[in-house]
Amino acid sequence: MPMSRQSTRAWQRMLSGRRLDILDPSPVDVELSDIAHGLARVARWNGQTIGDYPFSVAQHSVLVLELFRAANPEADPVAQMQCLLHDAPEYVVGDIISPFKAVIGGSYKDVEKGLLAAIFLRFSLPATMPAAVNKLVKKADQEAAFFEATNLAGFDPPEARRLFGVPNQSAFDVEAFDKLIRPWPTQQAHERFIGAFEQISRDISPA
């Protein structure tokens, strides 16, 4: 159900040429190129991270996917794709930190849910995640938040554990993890997000 609103149309023009209605989004107006472009330029933690580049939502999405896969090697490609796209609405609404989301309340969550449903439908996925998959994705998301907080955002481990829980520290070897947590340049984040999407798409629809 679209949110109630006044007659003013709430839409954003994308670089693809699409006009995406933020309050009543159509899957037809969702383009992968717009998502990857936007997420690669949206900074996690309001940009308050160390490194030569912001830690983008695109990179976060790839990190969450790899944590999800490591913990759930049996996960099917549809669940993996929903995991990769779990923060995709942020290409439109940006990455608002959790404490501020709590202040904004339900309206923001309604917009976010509507956008995510349109994104899922655009790529022939169920409009919502099954509860079991959602729980596993949230766990991977919290683990990613812990690693980002302690490696990039200045949190000490006890504080991060209180806020995000205890992660699986053995999910990756040191070299693989370092490549995932070290902030990527914008173009690399864009390409890695697209690459992950295309790889999962091939698994969903093998040639």
N, C-alpha and C. Protein backbone atom coordinates (compact mmCIF):
# COMPACT_ATOMS: atom_id res chain seq x y z
N MET A 1 0.85 -1.19 0.00
CA MET A 1 0.00 0.00 0.00
C MET A 1 0.89 1.25 0.00
N PRO A 2 0.68 2.18 -0.97
CA PRO A 2 1.47 3.41 -0.96
C PRO A 2 1.10 4.26 0.23
N MET A 3 2.04 5.04 0.72
CA MET A 3 1.76 5.94 1.83
C MET A 3 0.82 7.05 1.39
N SER A 4 0.00 7.53 2.34
CA SER A 4 -0.84 8.68 2.04
C SER A 4 0.05 9.89 1.85
N ARG A 5 -0.33 10.78 0.93
CA ARG A 5 0.51 11.93 0.64
C ARG A 5 -0.31 13.02 0.00
N GLN A 6 0.27 14.19 -0.12
CA GLN A 6 -0.38 15.28 -0.80
C GLN A 6 -0.16 15.12 -2.30
N SER A 7 -0.66 16.06 -3.08
CA SER A 7 -0.62 15.93 -4.53
C SER A 7 0.79 16.06 -5.10
N THR A 8 1.73 16.62 -4.32
CA THR A 8 3.09 16.77 -4.81
C THR A 8 3.72 15.41 -5.04
N ARG A 9 4.28 15.22 -6.23
CA ARG A 9 4.89 13.95 -6.56
C ARG A 9 6.31 13.89 -5.96
N ALA A 10 6.61 12.81 -5.27
CA ALA A 10 7.92 12.65 -4.65
C ALA A 10 8.73 11.67 -5.49
N TRP A 11 9.50 12.20 -6.43
CA TRP A 11 10.28 11.31 -7.29
C TRP A 11 11.69 11.84 -7.44
N GLN A 12 12.56 10.95 -7.84
CA GLN A 12 13.94 11.33 -8.10
C GLN A 12 14.32 10.88 -9.51
N ARG A 13 14.97 11.76 -10.24
CA ARG A 13 15.51 11.39 -11.55
C ARG A 13 16.84 10.67 -11.35
N MET A 14 16.96 9.52 -12.00
CA MET A 14 18.19 8.74 -11.93
C MET A 14 19.03 8.97 -13.18
N LEU A 15 20.31 8.60 -13.10
CA LEU A 15 21.19 8.80 -14.24
C LEU A 15 20.78 7.94 -15.43
N SER A 16 20.07 6.85 -15.18
CA SER A 16 19.56 6.02 -16.27
C SER A 16 18.45 6.73 -17.05
N GLY A 17 17.92 7.81 -16.48
CA GLY A 17 16.79 8.51 -17.08
C GLY A 17 15.46 8.18 -16.41
N ARG A 18 15.46 7.17 -15.55
CA ARG A 18 14.23 6.78 -14.85
C ARG A 18 13.84 7.85 -13.83
N ARG A 19 12.55 7.97 -13.60
CA ARG A 19 12.03 8.79 -12.50
C ARG A 19 11.40 7.84 -11.50
N LEU A 20 12.04 7.67 -10.36
CA LEU A 20 11.58 6.73 -9.35
C LEU A 20 10.73 7.45 -8.31
N ASP A 21 9.47 7.05 -8.21
CA ASP A 21 8.58 7.61 -7.21
C ASP A 21 8.95 7.00 -5.86
N ILE A 22 9.41 7.81 -4.95
CA ILE A 22 9.93 7.31 -3.68
C ILE A 22 8.83 6.75 -2.79
N LEU A 23 7.64 7.33 -2.86
CA LEU A 23 6.55 6.90 -1.98
C LEU A 23 5.72 5.78 -2.57
N ASP A 24 5.75 5.63 -3.87
CA ASP A 24 4.99 4.55 -4.52
C ASP A 24 5.85 3.99 -5.67
N PRO A 25 6.96 3.36 -5.34
CA PRO A 25 7.93 2.98 -6.36
C PRO A 25 7.44 1.83 -7.25
N SER A 26 7.74 1.94 -8.52
CA SER A 26 7.41 0.88 -9.47
C SER A 26 8.67 0.10 -9.79
N PRO A 27 8.61 -1.23 -9.81
CA PRO A 27 9.77 -2.03 -10.20
C PRO A 27 10.30 -1.65 -11.59
N VAL A 28 9.43 -1.15 -12.45
CA VAL A 28 9.83 -0.78 -13.81
C VAL A 28 10.87 0.33 -13.79
N ASP A 29 10.85 1.15 -12.75
CA ASP A 29 11.76 2.30 -12.67
C ASP A 29 13.04 2.00 -11.90
N VAL A 30 13.25 0.74 -11.55
CA VAL A 30 14.46 0.34 -10.84
C VAL A 30 15.47 -0.20 -11.84
N GLU A 31 16.71 0.34 -11.79
CA GLU A 31 17.78 -0.11 -12.68
C GLU A 31 19.01 -0.47 -11.85
N LEU A 32 19.64 -1.58 -12.19
CA LEU A 32 20.84 -2.01 -11.47
C LEU A 32 21.94 -0.96 -11.54
N SER A 33 22.10 -0.32 -12.69
CA SER A 33 23.15 0.68 -12.83
C SER A 33 22.96 1.83 -11.85
N ASP A 34 21.71 2.24 -11.63
CA ASP A 34 21.43 3.31 -10.67
C ASP A 34 21.74 2.87 -9.24
N ILE A 35 21.36 1.64 -8.91
CA ILE A 35 21.61 1.12 -7.56
C ILE A 35 23.11 1.09 -7.28
N ALA A 36 23.86 0.48 -8.19
CA ALA A 36 25.31 0.36 -7.98
C ALA A 36 25.98 1.72 -7.92
N HIS A 37 25.57 2.63 -8.81
CA HIS A 37 26.14 3.97 -8.84
C HIS A 37 25.88 4.67 -7.51
N GLY A 38 24.65 4.61 -7.04
CA GLY A 38 24.30 5.31 -5.80
C GLY A 38 24.97 4.70 -4.59
N LEU A 39 24.90 3.36 -4.45
CA LEU A 39 25.45 2.72 -3.25
C LEU A 39 26.96 2.89 -3.16
N ALA A 40 27.63 2.95 -4.31
CA ALA A 40 29.09 3.14 -4.30
C ALA A 40 29.48 4.53 -3.83
N ARG A 41 28.51 5.44 -3.81
CA ARG A 41 28.78 6.83 -3.42
C ARG A 41 28.14 7.22 -2.10
N VAL A 42 27.42 6.30 -1.47
CA VAL A 42 26.83 6.55 -0.15
C VAL A 42 27.77 5.99 0.91
N ALA A 43 28.15 6.83 1.87
CA ALA A 43 29.12 6.43 2.90
C ALA A 43 28.41 5.84 4.11
N ARG A 44 28.93 4.75 4.59
CA ARG A 44 28.51 4.21 5.88
C ARG A 44 29.03 5.11 7.00
N TRP A 45 28.37 5.05 8.17
CA TRP A 45 28.82 5.74 9.38
C TRP A 45 28.91 7.25 9.16
N ASN A 46 28.07 7.78 8.29
CA ASN A 46 28.09 9.22 7.97
C ASN A 46 29.48 9.70 7.56
N GLY A 47 30.27 8.78 6.99
CA GLY A 47 31.61 9.14 6.54
C GLY A 47 32.65 9.19 7.63
N GLN A 48 32.26 8.87 8.88
CA GLN A 48 33.20 8.96 10.00
C GLN A 48 34.01 7.68 10.13
N THR A 49 34.81 7.41 9.09
CA THR A 49 35.66 6.22 9.07
C THR A 49 37.06 6.59 8.60
N ILE A 50 38.02 5.76 8.98
CA ILE A 50 39.39 5.99 8.56
C ILE A 50 39.60 5.45 7.15
N GLY A 51 40.69 5.87 6.53
CA GLY A 51 41.03 5.36 5.21
C GLY A 51 41.02 6.46 4.17
N ASP A 52 41.55 6.13 3.01
CA ASP A 52 41.63 7.11 1.92
C ASP A 52 40.29 7.34 1.24
N TYR A 53 39.34 6.42 1.44
CA TYR A 53 38.03 6.52 0.80
C TYR A 53 36.94 6.26 1.84
N PRO A 54 35.74 6.77 1.61
CA PRO A 54 34.63 6.39 2.47
C PRO A 54 34.35 4.90 2.34
N PHE A 55 33.83 4.30 3.40
CA PHE A 55 33.40 2.91 3.32
C PHE A 55 31.96 2.92 2.82
N SER A 56 31.77 2.51 1.58
CA SER A 56 30.48 2.69 0.91
C SER A 56 29.48 1.60 1.27
N VAL A 57 28.22 1.90 1.03
CA VAL A 57 27.16 0.91 1.22
C VAL A 57 27.32 -0.24 0.22
N ALA A 58 27.85 0.06 -0.96
CA ALA A 58 28.11 -1.01 -1.93
C ALA A 58 29.12 -2.00 -1.36
N GLN A 59 30.20 -1.50 -0.76
CA GLN A 59 31.19 -2.40 -0.17
C GLN A 59 30.61 -3.13 1.03
N HIS A 60 29.85 -2.43 1.85
CA HIS A 60 29.17 -3.07 2.98
C HIS A 60 28.29 -4.21 2.50
N SER A 61 27.58 -4.01 1.40
CA SER A 61 26.68 -5.04 0.89
C SER A 61 27.44 -6.29 0.48
N VAL A 62 28.60 -6.10 -0.13
CA VAL A 62 29.45 -7.24 -0.52
C VAL A 62 29.99 -7.93 0.73
N LEU A 63 30.42 -7.15 1.73
CA LEU A 63 30.91 -7.74 2.98
C LEU A 63 29.82 -8.56 3.65
N VAL A 64 28.61 -8.02 3.75
CA VAL A 64 27.50 -8.76 4.36
C VAL A 64 27.23 -10.05 3.59
N LEU A 65 27.25 -9.97 2.27
CA LEU A 65 27.04 -11.17 1.46
C LEU A 65 28.08 -12.24 1.78
N GLU A 66 29.35 -11.85 1.88
CA GLU A 66 30.39 -12.84 2.14
C GLU A 66 30.27 -13.42 3.55
N LEU A 67 29.90 -12.61 4.54
CA LEU A 67 29.65 -13.13 5.88
C LEU A 67 28.46 -14.09 5.88
N PHE A 68 27.42 -13.72 5.15
CA PHE A 68 26.23 -14.56 5.03
C PHE A 68 26.58 -15.91 4.40
N ARG A 69 27.35 -15.87 3.32
CA ARG A 69 27.75 -17.11 2.64
C ARG A 69 28.63 -17.98 3.54
N ALA A 70 29.55 -17.35 4.25
CA ALA A 70 30.44 -18.12 5.12
C ALA A 70 29.67 -18.84 6.21
N ALA A 71 28.65 -18.19 6.74
CA ALA A 71 27.87 -18.78 7.83
C ALA A 71 26.79 -19.73 7.32
N ASN A 72 26.39 -19.55 6.05
CA ASN A 72 25.28 -20.32 5.50
C ASN A 72 25.64 -20.84 4.11
N PRO A 73 26.59 -21.76 4.03
CA PRO A 73 27.05 -22.23 2.72
C PRO A 73 25.97 -22.92 1.89
N GLU A 74 24.89 -23.32 2.54
CA GLU A 74 23.80 -23.99 1.82
C GLU A 74 22.77 -22.99 1.28
N ALA A 75 22.94 -21.71 1.54
CA ALA A 75 21.95 -20.70 1.13
C ALA A 75 21.81 -20.69 -0.39
N ASP A 76 20.56 -20.67 -0.87
CA ASP A 76 20.33 -20.70 -2.31
C ASP A 76 20.57 -19.32 -2.92
N PRO A 77 20.69 -19.25 -4.25
CA PRO A 77 21.00 -17.97 -4.90
C PRO A 77 19.97 -16.88 -4.65
N VAL A 78 18.70 -17.22 -4.51
CA VAL A 78 17.68 -16.21 -4.24
C VAL A 78 17.94 -15.55 -2.89
N ALA A 79 18.25 -16.34 -1.88
CA ALA A 79 18.56 -15.79 -0.56
C ALA A 79 19.83 -14.93 -0.62
N GLN A 80 20.82 -15.37 -1.39
CA GLN A 80 22.05 -14.59 -1.54
C GLN A 80 21.77 -13.25 -2.21
N MET A 81 20.91 -13.26 -3.22
CA MET A 81 20.60 -12.01 -3.90
C MET A 81 19.84 -11.06 -2.98
N GLN A 82 18.90 -11.58 -2.22
CA GLN A 82 18.19 -10.73 -1.28
C GLN A 82 19.15 -10.17 -0.24
N CYS A 83 20.13 -10.96 0.15
CA CYS A 83 21.15 -10.48 1.09
C CYS A 83 21.96 -9.34 0.47
N LEU A 84 22.45 -9.53 -0.75
CA LEU A 84 23.22 -8.49 -1.42
C LEU A 84 22.44 -7.18 -1.51
N LEU A 85 21.13 -7.29 -1.75
CA LEU A 85 20.29 -6.11 -1.98
C LEU A 85 19.63 -5.58 -0.71
N HIS A 86 20.02 -6.10 0.45
CA HIS A 86 19.29 -5.77 1.68
C HIS A 86 19.29 -4.28 1.99
N ASP A 87 20.34 -3.56 1.58
CA ASP A 87 20.40 -2.12 1.81
C ASP A 87 20.22 -1.32 0.52
N ALA A 88 19.74 -1.96 -0.53
CA ALA A 88 19.63 -1.28 -1.83
C ALA A 88 18.77 -0.01 -1.79
N PRO A 89 17.71 0.07 -0.95
CA PRO A 89 16.95 1.33 -0.91
C PRO A 89 17.80 2.56 -0.60
N GLU A 90 18.97 2.36 -0.03
CA GLU A 90 19.81 3.49 0.34
C GLU A 90 20.39 4.21 -0.87
N TYR A 91 20.25 3.62 -2.06
CA TYR A 91 20.67 4.38 -3.25
C TYR A 91 19.72 5.54 -3.50
N VAL A 92 18.56 5.50 -2.87
CA VAL A 92 17.57 6.58 -2.98
C VAL A 92 17.54 7.44 -1.71
N VAL A 93 17.48 6.79 -0.55
CA VAL A 93 17.25 7.53 0.70
C VAL A 93 18.51 7.76 1.50
N GLY A 94 19.66 7.23 1.05
CA GLY A 94 20.90 7.39 1.78
C GLY A 94 20.98 6.44 2.97
N ASP A 95 22.13 6.44 3.63
CA ASP A 95 22.37 5.58 4.79
C ASP A 95 22.20 6.40 6.05
N ILE A 96 21.06 6.25 6.69
CA ILE A 96 20.79 6.97 7.93
C ILE A 96 21.21 6.08 9.09
N ILE A 97 22.04 6.58 10.00
CA ILE A 97 22.52 5.76 11.10
C ILE A 97 21.34 5.32 11.99
N SER A 98 21.48 4.14 12.61
CA SER A 98 20.38 3.53 13.35
C SER A 98 19.77 4.41 14.43
N PRO A 99 20.58 5.16 15.23
CA PRO A 99 19.95 6.00 16.25
C PRO A 99 19.01 7.05 15.66
N PHE A 100 19.36 7.60 14.49
CA PHE A 100 18.49 8.59 13.87
C PHE A 100 17.25 7.94 13.26
N LYS A 101 17.41 6.71 12.71
CA LYS A 101 16.24 5.99 12.20
C LYS A 101 15.20 5.79 13.31
N ALA A 102 15.69 5.49 14.51
CA ALA A 102 14.78 5.29 15.64
C ALA A 102 14.00 6.55 15.96
N VAL A 103 14.64 7.71 15.79
CA VAL A 103 13.97 8.99 16.05
C VAL A 103 12.93 9.27 14.97
N ILE A 104 13.28 8.99 13.71
CA ILE A 104 12.35 9.25 12.60
C ILE A 104 11.11 8.38 12.72
N GLY A 105 11.31 7.11 13.05
CA GLY A 105 10.17 6.23 13.28
C GLY A 105 9.61 5.58 12.03
N GLY A 106 8.28 5.31 12.07
CA GLY A 106 7.63 4.45 11.10
C GLY A 106 7.63 4.94 9.68
N SER A 107 7.52 6.22 9.43
CA SER A 107 7.43 6.72 8.05
C SER A 107 8.65 6.33 7.24
N TYR A 108 9.83 6.48 7.83
CA TYR A 108 11.05 6.11 7.12
C TYR A 108 11.04 4.62 6.81
N LYS A 109 10.66 3.81 7.78
CA LYS A 109 10.65 2.36 7.57
C LYS A 109 9.66 1.97 6.47
N ASP A 110 8.53 2.66 6.40
CA ASP A 110 7.54 2.36 5.36
C ASP A 110 8.10 2.66 3.97
N VAL A 111 8.79 3.79 3.85
CA VAL A 111 9.41 4.14 2.57
C VAL A 111 10.46 3.11 2.19
N GLU A 112 11.30 2.75 3.16
CA GLU A 112 12.37 1.79 2.92
C GLU A 112 11.81 0.44 2.49
N LYS A 113 10.76 -0.02 3.16
CA LYS A 113 10.14 -1.31 2.82
C LYS A 113 9.54 -1.28 1.43
N GLY A 114 8.89 -0.17 1.08
CA GLY A 114 8.30 -0.06 -0.25
C GLY A 114 9.35 -0.09 -1.34
N LEU A 115 10.46 0.61 -1.11
CA LEU A 115 11.55 0.60 -2.09
C LEU A 115 12.16 -0.78 -2.22
N LEU A 116 12.38 -1.46 -1.09
CA LEU A 116 13.01 -2.78 -1.13
C LEU A 116 12.11 -3.78 -1.86
N ALA A 117 10.82 -3.70 -1.63
CA ALA A 117 9.89 -4.59 -2.33
C ALA A 117 9.95 -4.36 -3.84
N ALA A 118 9.98 -3.09 -4.26
CA ALA A 118 10.06 -2.78 -5.69
C ALA A 118 11.37 -3.28 -6.29
N ILE A 119 12.46 -3.15 -5.54
CA ILE A 119 13.76 -3.62 -6.01
C ILE A 119 13.75 -5.14 -6.16
N PHE A 120 13.24 -5.83 -5.15
CA PHE A 120 13.17 -7.29 -5.24
C PHE A 120 12.33 -7.73 -6.44
N LEU A 121 11.17 -7.11 -6.62
CA LEU A 121 10.28 -7.49 -7.73
C LEU A 121 10.93 -7.20 -9.08
N ARG A 122 11.70 -6.12 -9.15
CA ARG A 122 12.37 -5.78 -10.42
C ARG A 122 13.28 -6.91 -10.87
N PHE A 123 13.88 -7.61 -9.92
CA PHE A 123 14.82 -8.67 -10.26
C PHE A 123 14.22 -10.06 -10.04
N SER A 124 12.89 -10.12 -10.11
CA SER A 124 12.14 -11.39 -10.07
C SER A 124 12.37 -12.16 -8.78
N LEU A 125 12.50 -11.44 -7.68
CA LEU A 125 12.62 -12.03 -6.36
C LEU A 125 11.30 -11.87 -5.62
N PRO A 126 11.04 -12.68 -4.60
CA PRO A 126 9.88 -12.42 -3.74
C PRO A 126 9.95 -11.02 -3.16
N ALA A 127 8.82 -10.37 -2.98
CA ALA A 127 8.79 -8.98 -2.53
C ALA A 127 9.35 -8.80 -1.12
N THR A 128 9.31 -9.84 -0.32
CA THR A 128 9.87 -9.79 1.04
C THR A 128 10.73 -11.03 1.27
N MET A 129 11.67 -10.89 2.19
CA MET A 129 12.48 -12.05 2.57
C MET A 129 11.67 -12.98 3.46
N PRO A 130 11.82 -14.28 3.31
CA PRO A 130 11.27 -15.19 4.32
C PRO A 130 11.86 -14.85 5.68
N ALA A 131 11.09 -15.07 6.74
CA ALA A 131 11.54 -14.69 8.08
C ALA A 131 12.88 -15.33 8.44
N ALA A 132 13.06 -16.58 8.06
CA ALA A 132 14.31 -17.28 8.40
C ALA A 132 15.50 -16.65 7.70
N VAL A 133 15.33 -16.28 6.42
CA VAL A 133 16.42 -15.64 5.68
C VAL A 133 16.69 -14.26 6.24
N ASN A 134 15.64 -13.51 6.54
CA ASN A 134 15.80 -12.17 7.11
C ASN A 134 16.61 -12.21 8.39
N LYS A 135 16.36 -13.21 9.23
CA LYS A 135 17.10 -13.34 10.49
C LYS A 135 18.58 -13.58 10.23
N LEU A 136 18.89 -14.42 9.26
CA LEU A 136 20.30 -14.72 8.94
C LEU A 136 20.99 -13.52 8.31
N VAL A 137 20.27 -12.79 7.46
CA VAL A 137 20.84 -11.59 6.85
C VAL A 137 21.11 -10.53 7.92
N LYS A 138 20.18 -10.37 8.84
CA LYS A 138 20.39 -9.40 9.92
C LYS A 138 21.60 -9.76 10.77
N LYS A 139 21.81 -11.06 11.00
CA LYS A 139 22.97 -11.49 11.77
C LYS A 139 24.26 -11.12 11.03
N ALA A 140 24.29 -11.39 9.72
CA ALA A 140 25.48 -11.03 8.93
C ALA A 140 25.67 -9.52 8.90
N ASP A 141 24.57 -8.77 8.84
CA ASP A 141 24.62 -7.31 8.83
C ASP A 141 25.20 -6.79 10.14
N GLN A 142 24.79 -7.39 11.26
CA GLN A 142 25.32 -6.98 12.56
C GLN A 142 26.80 -7.33 12.69
N GLU A 143 27.20 -8.48 12.16
CA GLU A 143 28.61 -8.84 12.18
C GLU A 143 29.43 -7.84 11.36
N ALA A 144 28.92 -7.49 10.18
CA ALA A 144 29.61 -6.50 9.36
C ALA A 144 29.73 -5.17 10.11
N ALA A 145 28.66 -4.78 10.79
CA ALA A 145 28.69 -3.53 11.56
C ALA A 145 29.76 -3.58 12.65
N PHE A 146 29.89 -4.73 13.32
CA PHE A 146 30.94 -4.87 14.34
C PHE A 146 32.32 -4.68 13.72
N PHE A 147 32.58 -5.37 12.62
CA PHE A 147 33.91 -5.29 11.99
C PHE A 147 34.19 -3.88 11.48
N GLU A 148 33.19 -3.24 10.90
CA GLU A 148 33.37 -1.87 10.42
C GLU A 148 33.61 -0.92 11.60
N ALA A 149 32.82 -1.11 12.66
CA ALA A 149 32.94 -0.22 13.83
C ALA A 149 34.34 -0.29 14.44
N THR A 150 34.86 -1.50 14.58
CA THR A 150 36.14 -1.67 15.28
C THR A 150 37.35 -1.44 14.37
N ASN A 151 37.19 -1.68 13.06
CA ASN A 151 38.32 -1.50 12.14
C ASN A 151 38.37 -0.12 11.51
N LEU A 152 37.21 0.55 11.45
CA LEU A 152 37.15 1.78 10.67
C LEU A 152 36.58 2.98 11.43
N ALA A 153 35.65 2.74 12.35
CA ALA A 153 34.86 3.84 12.91
C ALA A 153 35.22 4.20 14.35
N GLY A 154 36.32 3.68 14.87
CA GLY A 154 36.82 4.14 16.16
C GLY A 154 36.18 3.54 17.39
N PHE A 155 35.37 2.48 17.24
CA PHE A 155 34.75 1.82 18.39
C PHE A 155 35.76 0.86 19.02
N ASP A 156 35.75 0.75 20.37
CA ASP A 156 36.54 -0.31 20.98
C ASP A 156 35.70 -1.59 21.00
N PRO A 157 36.34 -2.77 21.01
CA PRO A 157 35.59 -4.02 20.90
C PRO A 157 34.50 -4.23 21.94
N PRO A 158 34.72 -3.90 23.24
CA PRO A 158 33.62 -4.10 24.20
C PRO A 158 32.38 -3.28 23.85
N GLU A 159 32.58 -2.03 23.45
CA GLU A 159 31.44 -1.20 23.06
C GLU A 159 30.74 -1.77 21.85
N ALA A 160 31.51 -2.21 20.86
CA ALA A 160 30.93 -2.77 19.64
C ALA A 160 30.17 -4.06 19.93
N ARG A 161 30.70 -4.87 20.85
CA ARG A 161 29.99 -6.10 21.21
C ARG A 161 28.66 -5.79 21.86
N ARG A 162 28.61 -4.75 22.70
CA ARG A 162 27.34 -4.37 23.33
C ARG A 162 26.32 -3.93 22.29
N LEU A 163 26.78 -3.21 21.27
CA LEU A 163 25.87 -2.65 20.28
C LEU A 163 25.49 -3.64 19.17
N PHE A 164 26.44 -4.48 18.76
CA PHE A 164 26.24 -5.30 17.56
C PHE A 164 26.34 -6.80 17.80
N GLY A 165 26.65 -7.21 19.04
CA GLY A 165 26.78 -8.63 19.32
C GLY A 165 28.17 -9.15 19.05
N VAL A 166 28.36 -10.44 19.27
CA VAL A 166 29.66 -11.07 19.10
C VAL A 166 29.72 -11.73 17.73
N PRO A 167 30.64 -11.30 16.88
CA PRO A 167 30.71 -11.87 15.53
C PRO A 167 31.49 -13.18 15.50
N ASN A 168 31.36 -13.87 14.38
CA ASN A 168 32.17 -15.06 14.14
C ASN A 168 33.53 -14.61 13.62
N GLN A 169 34.52 -14.61 14.48
CA GLN A 169 35.83 -14.08 14.13
C GLN A 169 36.58 -14.96 13.13
N SER A 170 36.12 -16.19 12.93
CA SER A 170 36.82 -17.11 12.04
C SER A 170 36.17 -17.21 10.67
N ALA A 171 35.33 -16.23 10.32
CA ALA A 171 34.60 -16.30 9.05
C ALA A 171 35.55 -16.27 7.85
N PHE A 172 36.65 -15.52 7.95
CA PHE A 172 37.59 -15.39 6.83
C PHE A 172 39.01 -15.54 7.32
N ASP A 173 39.89 -15.88 6.39
CA ASP A 173 41.30 -15.77 6.72
C ASP A 173 41.68 -14.29 6.70
N VAL A 174 42.82 -13.98 7.28
CA VAL A 174 43.21 -12.58 7.48
C VAL A 174 43.31 -11.84 6.15
N GLU A 175 43.91 -12.45 5.15
CA GLU A 175 44.11 -11.78 3.87
C GLU A 175 42.78 -11.46 3.19
N ALA A 176 41.87 -12.43 3.19
CA ALA A 176 40.57 -12.21 2.55
C ALA A 176 39.79 -11.12 3.29
N PHE A 177 39.83 -11.15 4.63
CA PHE A 177 39.10 -10.16 5.40
C PHE A 177 39.66 -8.77 5.17
N ASP A 178 40.97 -8.64 5.13
CA ASP A 178 41.60 -7.34 4.93
C ASP A 178 41.14 -6.70 3.62
N LYS A 179 40.98 -7.51 2.59
CA LYS A 179 40.54 -6.99 1.30
C LYS A 179 39.09 -6.52 1.34
N LEU A 180 38.29 -7.11 2.21
CA LEU A 180 36.88 -6.74 2.30
C LEU A 180 36.64 -5.54 3.20
N ILE A 181 37.51 -5.34 4.19
CA ILE A 181 37.28 -4.26 5.15
C ILE A 181 38.04 -2.99 4.80
N ARG A 182 39.06 -3.09 3.97
CA ARG A 182 39.82 -1.91 3.57
C ARG A 182 38.98 -1.11 2.56
N PRO A 183 38.67 0.16 2.82
CA PRO A 183 37.75 0.91 1.94
C PRO A 183 38.22 0.93 0.48
N TRP A 184 37.27 0.64 -0.42
CA TRP A 184 37.55 0.61 -1.85
C TRP A 184 37.28 1.97 -2.49
N PRO A 185 38.01 2.31 -3.55
CA PRO A 185 37.64 3.48 -4.35
C PRO A 185 36.23 3.30 -4.92
N THR A 186 35.60 4.40 -5.25
CA THR A 186 34.21 4.37 -5.71
C THR A 186 34.00 3.41 -6.88
N GLN A 187 34.86 3.48 -7.89
CA GLN A 187 34.67 2.64 -9.06
C GLN A 187 34.83 1.17 -8.72
N GLN A 188 35.76 0.85 -7.85
CA GLN A 188 35.93 -0.54 -7.44
C GLN A 188 34.70 -1.04 -6.69
N ALA A 189 34.16 -0.22 -5.79
CA ALA A 189 32.96 -0.61 -5.06
C ALA A 189 31.80 -0.85 -6.03
N HIS A 190 31.66 0.04 -7.02
CA HIS A 190 30.62 -0.10 -8.04
C HIS A 190 30.79 -1.42 -8.78
N GLU A 191 32.01 -1.71 -9.22
CA GLU A 191 32.27 -2.91 -10.03
C GLU A 191 32.11 -4.19 -9.21
N ARG A 192 32.55 -4.16 -7.95
CA ARG A 192 32.43 -5.35 -7.12
C ARG A 192 30.97 -5.66 -6.82
N PHE A 193 30.16 -4.62 -6.61
CA PHE A 193 28.73 -4.83 -6.38
C PHE A 193 28.08 -5.43 -7.62
N ILE A 194 28.36 -4.85 -8.78
CA ILE A 194 27.82 -5.37 -10.03
C ILE A 194 28.29 -6.82 -10.25
N GLY A 195 29.57 -7.07 -9.98
CA GLY A 195 30.10 -8.42 -10.17
C GLY A 195 29.40 -9.45 -9.30
N ALA A 196 29.15 -9.10 -8.03
CA ALA A 196 28.44 -10.01 -7.14
C ALA A 196 27.02 -10.26 -7.63
N PHE A 197 26.36 -9.19 -8.07
CA PHE A 197 25.00 -9.32 -8.60
C PHE A 197 24.99 -10.25 -9.81
N GLU A 198 25.89 -10.04 -10.72
CA GLU A 198 25.90 -10.83 -11.97
C GLU A 198 26.24 -12.30 -11.69
N GLN A 199 27.13 -12.54 -10.74
CA GLN A 199 27.49 -13.91 -10.41
C GLN A 199 26.28 -14.66 -9.82
N ILE A 200 25.56 -14.01 -8.92
CA ILE A 200 24.38 -14.64 -8.32
C ILE A 200 23.30 -14.83 -9.38
N SER A 201 23.14 -13.86 -10.26
CA SER A 201 22.14 -13.97 -11.33
C SER A 201 22.39 -15.19 -12.20
N ARG A 202 23.66 -15.47 -12.50
CA ARG A 202 23.98 -16.66 -13.30
C ARG A 202 23.59 -17.93 -12.55
N ASP A 203 23.76 -17.93 -11.22
CA ASP A 203 23.38 -19.10 -10.43
C ASP A 203 21.87 -19.27 -10.36
N ILE A 204 21.15 -18.14 -10.37
CA ILE A 204 19.68 -18.22 -10.36
C ILE A 204 19.16 -18.72 -11.69
N SER A 205 19.74 -18.22 -12.79
CA SER A 205 19.29 -18.58 -14.14
C SER A 205 20.48 -19.08 -14.94
N PRO A 206 20.92 -20.32 -14.68
CA PRO A 206 22.09 -20.83 -15.40
C PRO A 206 21.82 -20.93 -16.89
N ALA A 207 22.86 -20.65 -17.69
CA ALA A 207 22.71 -20.68 -19.15
C ALA A 207 22.46 -22.10 -19.62
